N, C-alpha and C. Protein backbone atom coordinates (compact mmCIF):
# COMPACT_ATOMS: atom_id res chain seq x y z
N MET A 1 -4.99 -14.84 -1.81
CA MET A 1 -5.43 -13.47 -0.62
C MET A 1 -4.32 -13.35 -0.05
N SER A 2 -4.74 -12.39 0.07
CA SER A 2 -2.77 -11.80 1.45
C SER A 2 -3.67 -12.52 2.31
N GLU A 3 -2.33 -12.12 2.94
CA GLU A 3 -2.18 -12.31 5.11
C GLU A 3 -2.27 -11.14 5.70
N PHE A 4 -1.92 -10.45 4.45
CA PHE A 4 -2.03 -8.87 5.38
C PHE A 4 -3.14 -8.11 5.54
N LYS A 5 -3.66 -7.59 6.71
CA LYS A 5 -4.76 -6.10 6.35
C LYS A 5 -3.74 -5.48 5.36
N PRO A 6 -4.26 -3.71 4.62
CA PRO A 6 -4.15 -2.59 4.75
C PRO A 6 -4.18 -2.36 6.16
N PHE A 7 -2.85 -0.76 5.57
CA PHE A 7 -2.61 0.38 6.00
C PHE A 7 -3.80 0.42 6.17
N GLU A 8 -4.02 0.94 7.33
CA GLU A 8 -5.19 2.50 7.82
C GLU A 8 -4.57 3.58 8.07
N PHE A 9 -3.33 3.93 8.92
CA PHE A 9 -2.77 4.81 9.45
C PHE A 9 -1.28 4.69 9.19
N ILE A 10 -0.15 5.75 9.35
CA ILE A 10 1.09 5.93 9.15
C ILE A 10 1.48 4.90 10.28
N GLU A 11 2.36 3.17 9.62
CA GLU A 11 2.83 2.16 10.75
C GLU A 11 4.51 2.49 9.82
N PHE A 12 5.72 3.00 9.58
CA PHE A 12 6.67 3.74 9.16
C PHE A 12 7.26 2.37 9.80
N GLU A 13 7.13 1.50 10.30
CA GLU A 13 8.48 0.92 10.29
C GLU A 13 8.09 -1.01 9.82
N TRP A 14 6.99 -0.60 9.41
CA TRP A 14 6.63 -1.92 8.00
C TRP A 14 7.19 -1.68 7.10
N ILE A 15 7.74 -0.17 6.31
CA ILE A 15 7.37 -0.19 5.22
C ILE A 15 8.63 -0.05 4.87
N ASP A 16 9.56 -0.52 4.45
CA ASP A 16 10.42 -0.58 3.95
C ASP A 16 11.13 -0.48 1.77
N ASP A 17 11.97 -1.48 1.70
CA ASP A 17 12.23 -0.60 0.17
C ASP A 17 11.49 -1.74 -0.72
N ASP A 18 10.56 -2.88 -0.12
CA ASP A 18 9.69 -4.13 -0.64
C ASP A 18 8.78 -2.86 -1.75
N VAL A 19 8.52 -1.90 -1.30
CA VAL A 19 7.12 -1.60 -1.13
C VAL A 19 7.70 -0.50 -2.86
N ILE A 20 8.49 -0.46 -3.05
CA ILE A 20 8.92 -0.18 -4.71
C ILE A 20 8.60 -0.75 -5.12
N ALA A 21 8.93 -2.00 -5.07
CA ALA A 21 8.41 -2.96 -6.06
C ALA A 21 7.40 -3.93 -5.72
N GLY A 22 6.87 -3.43 -5.20
CA GLY A 22 4.93 -3.95 -5.04
C GLY A 22 5.01 -2.61 -5.99
N TYR A 23 4.56 -1.52 -5.73
CA TYR A 23 3.88 -0.40 -6.89
C TYR A 23 3.87 -1.14 -7.91
N ARG A 24 5.75 -1.77 -8.40
CA ARG A 24 5.45 -1.77 -9.64
C ARG A 24 4.29 -2.77 -9.90
N SER A 25 4.78 -3.24 -8.87
CA SER A 25 3.85 -4.57 -9.55
C SER A 25 2.54 -4.58 -10.00
N GLY A 26 2.37 -3.83 -8.71
CA GLY A 26 0.50 -3.41 -8.82
C GLY A 26 0.24 -2.14 -10.14
N TYR A 27 0.99 -1.47 -10.13
CA TYR A 27 1.33 -0.46 -11.27
C TYR A 27 0.59 -0.85 -12.74
N ALA A 28 1.97 -2.50 -12.36
CA ALA A 28 1.63 -2.89 -13.82
C ALA A 28 0.09 -4.19 -14.10
N GLY A 29 -0.24 -4.04 -12.97
CA GLY A 29 -1.83 -5.14 -12.27
C GLY A 29 -1.25 -6.42 -12.45
N ASP A 30 0.37 -6.96 -12.13
CA ASP A 30 -0.03 -8.48 -11.71
C ASP A 30 -0.59 -8.72 -10.30
N PRO A 31 -1.38 -9.92 -10.40
CA PRO A 31 -1.99 -10.90 -9.29
C PRO A 31 -1.35 -10.20 -7.73
N GLU A 32 -2.89 -10.28 -6.77
CA GLU A 32 -1.96 -9.59 -5.38
C GLU A 32 -1.69 -10.54 -5.15
N PRO A 33 -0.25 -10.66 -4.55
CA PRO A 33 1.03 -11.07 -4.03
C PRO A 33 0.95 -11.92 -3.11
N GLY A 34 1.37 -13.17 -2.45
CA GLY A 34 0.73 -14.88 -2.08
C GLY A 34 2.73 -13.88 -0.51
N SER A 35 1.70 -14.53 0.61
CA SER A 35 2.93 -14.18 1.78
C SER A 35 4.41 -15.24 1.65
N ASP A 36 4.55 -15.09 0.23
CA ASP A 36 6.19 -15.45 0.51
C ASP A 36 6.41 -13.05 -0.53
N LYS A 37 5.67 -12.75 0.08
CA LYS A 37 5.69 -11.09 -0.09
C LYS A 37 5.91 -10.76 1.40
N SER A 38 6.18 -9.42 1.05
CA SER A 38 6.31 -8.98 2.50
C SER A 38 4.50 -7.28 2.49
N ARG A 39 4.34 -7.42 3.46
CA ARG A 39 3.47 -6.56 4.41
C ARG A 39 4.49 -4.58 4.05
N SER A 40 5.11 -4.75 3.39
CA SER A 40 5.65 -3.22 2.88
C SER A 40 5.63 -3.72 1.64
N PHE A 41 5.31 -5.12 0.62
CA PHE A 41 5.71 -5.46 -0.52
C PHE A 41 3.86 -5.69 -1.29
N PHE A 42 3.27 -5.82 0.04
CA PHE A 42 1.33 -5.78 0.13
C PHE A 42 1.38 -4.21 -0.43
N HIS A 43 1.84 -3.40 0.80
CA HIS A 43 1.37 -1.71 0.95
C HIS A 43 1.36 -1.19 -0.50
N GLY A 44 2.17 -1.55 -1.03
CA GLY A 44 2.60 -1.22 -2.48
C GLY A 44 2.60 -1.07 -3.45
N TRP A 45 2.07 -2.41 -3.33
CA TRP A 45 1.55 -3.09 -4.46
C TRP A 45 0.12 -2.18 -4.53
N ARG A 46 -1.32 -2.19 -3.33
CA ARG A 46 -2.35 -2.25 -2.98
C ARG A 46 -2.22 -0.51 -3.55
N ASN A 47 -1.67 0.01 -3.55
CA ASN A 47 -1.39 1.81 -3.97
C ASN A 47 -0.83 1.80 -5.00
N GLY A 48 -0.21 0.64 -6.07
CA GLY A 48 0.18 0.83 -7.12
C GLY A 48 -1.33 0.50 -7.93
N ARG A 49 -1.80 -0.50 -7.92
CA ARG A 49 -3.25 -1.11 -8.11
C ARG A 49 -3.85 0.18 -8.52
N VAL A 50 -3.86 0.57 -7.71
CA VAL A 50 -5.28 2.19 -7.92
C VAL A 50 -4.34 3.54 -8.65
N ASP A 51 -3.14 3.96 -9.05
CA ASP A 51 -2.10 4.71 -9.79
C ASP A 51 -2.26 3.67 -10.55
N GLY A 52 -2.16 2.61 -11.69
CA GLY A 52 -3.01 2.34 -12.88
C GLY A 52 -3.62 1.36 -13.34
N GLY A 53 -4.65 2.88 -12.25
CA GLY A 53 -5.59 1.73 -13.04
C GLY A 53 -6.84 1.03 -13.01
N HIS A 54 -6.17 -0.55 -12.23
CA HIS A 54 -6.90 -1.20 -11.92
C HIS A 54 -8.06 -1.53 -11.26
N GLN A 55 -8.27 -0.47 -10.05
CA GLN A 55 -9.33 -0.67 -8.62
C GLN A 55 -9.44 0.73 -8.02
N PRO A 56 -9.65 1.39 -7.63
CA PRO A 56 -10.64 2.25 -7.34
C PRO A 56 -9.71 2.51 -5.41
N ILE A 57 -9.45 3.90 -4.99
CA ILE A 57 -9.44 4.07 -3.67
C ILE A 57 -9.96 3.00 -3.35
N ASP A 58 -9.59 2.07 -1.75
CA ASP A 58 -10.68 2.28 -1.13
C ASP A 58 -10.82 2.79 0.40
N ALA A 59 -11.30 2.27 1.67
CA ALA A 59 -11.67 3.16 2.60
C ALA A 59 -10.71 3.50 3.39
N ALA A 60 -10.00 2.31 3.35
CA ALA A 60 -8.26 1.61 3.90
C ALA A 60 -6.80 2.81 3.99
N GLN A 61 -7.23 3.04 1.97
CA GLN A 61 -6.33 4.01 1.54
C GLN A 61 -6.89 5.20 1.91
N GLN A 62 -7.71 5.56 1.66
CA GLN A 62 -8.00 7.19 2.07
C GLN A 62 -8.06 7.38 3.78
N GLU A 63 -7.95 6.71 4.25
CA GLU A 63 -8.17 6.63 6.13
C GLU A 63 -5.99 7.55 5.82
N PHE A 64 -5.40 5.99 5.94
CA PHE A 64 -4.43 6.20 5.59
C PHE A 64 -3.56 7.74 4.47
N ALA A 65 -3.43 7.91 3.99
CA ALA A 65 -3.41 8.98 3.09
C ALA A 65 -3.57 10.52 4.07
N ARG A 66 -5.10 10.33 5.03
CA ARG A 66 -4.83 11.26 6.22
C ARG A 66 -4.92 11.19 7.09
N SER A 67 -3.96 10.00 7.81
CA SER A 67 -4.10 9.98 8.27
C SER A 67 -1.66 10.09 7.87
N TYR A 68 -1.06 9.73 6.71
CA TYR A 68 -0.50 10.67 6.39
C TYR A 68 0.02 11.97 6.36
N VAL A 69 -1.54 12.54 6.16
CA VAL A 69 -1.38 14.31 5.99
C VAL A 69 -1.11 14.70 7.17
N THR A 70 -1.83 14.25 7.65
CA THR A 70 -1.43 14.83 9.28
C THR A 70 -0.72 14.89 10.67
N ARG A 71 -0.26 13.73 9.94
CA ARG A 71 0.83 14.04 10.59
C ARG A 71 1.83 14.62 10.06
N SER A 72 2.59 14.86 9.17
CA SER A 72 3.12 15.87 8.09
C SER A 72 2.57 17.47 8.58
N ARG A 73 1.49 17.72 9.16
CA ARG A 73 1.23 18.71 9.11
C ARG A 73 2.08 19.33 10.55
N SER A 74 2.27 18.15 11.49
CA SER A 74 2.48 18.40 12.33
C SER A 74 4.99 17.87 12.90
N TYR A 75 5.43 18.34 11.35
CA TYR A 75 6.39 18.29 11.68
C TYR A 75 6.20 19.53 11.31
């Protein structure tokens, strides 16, 4: 189990280029990453799992999406 809790709101300071590698890993159905990966990787992995059809979207991901849309509309 990962040491990271899911993002529930926009925390851009934690998201870096690892998010893409994590997304690809989750999309491919790879197992949950361990503590050797970054929080950004874990975030990408969770979203890739959903988009790859390996798990349904959860409450934390829904809240993150709402937070993103709300923030985007304010710009």
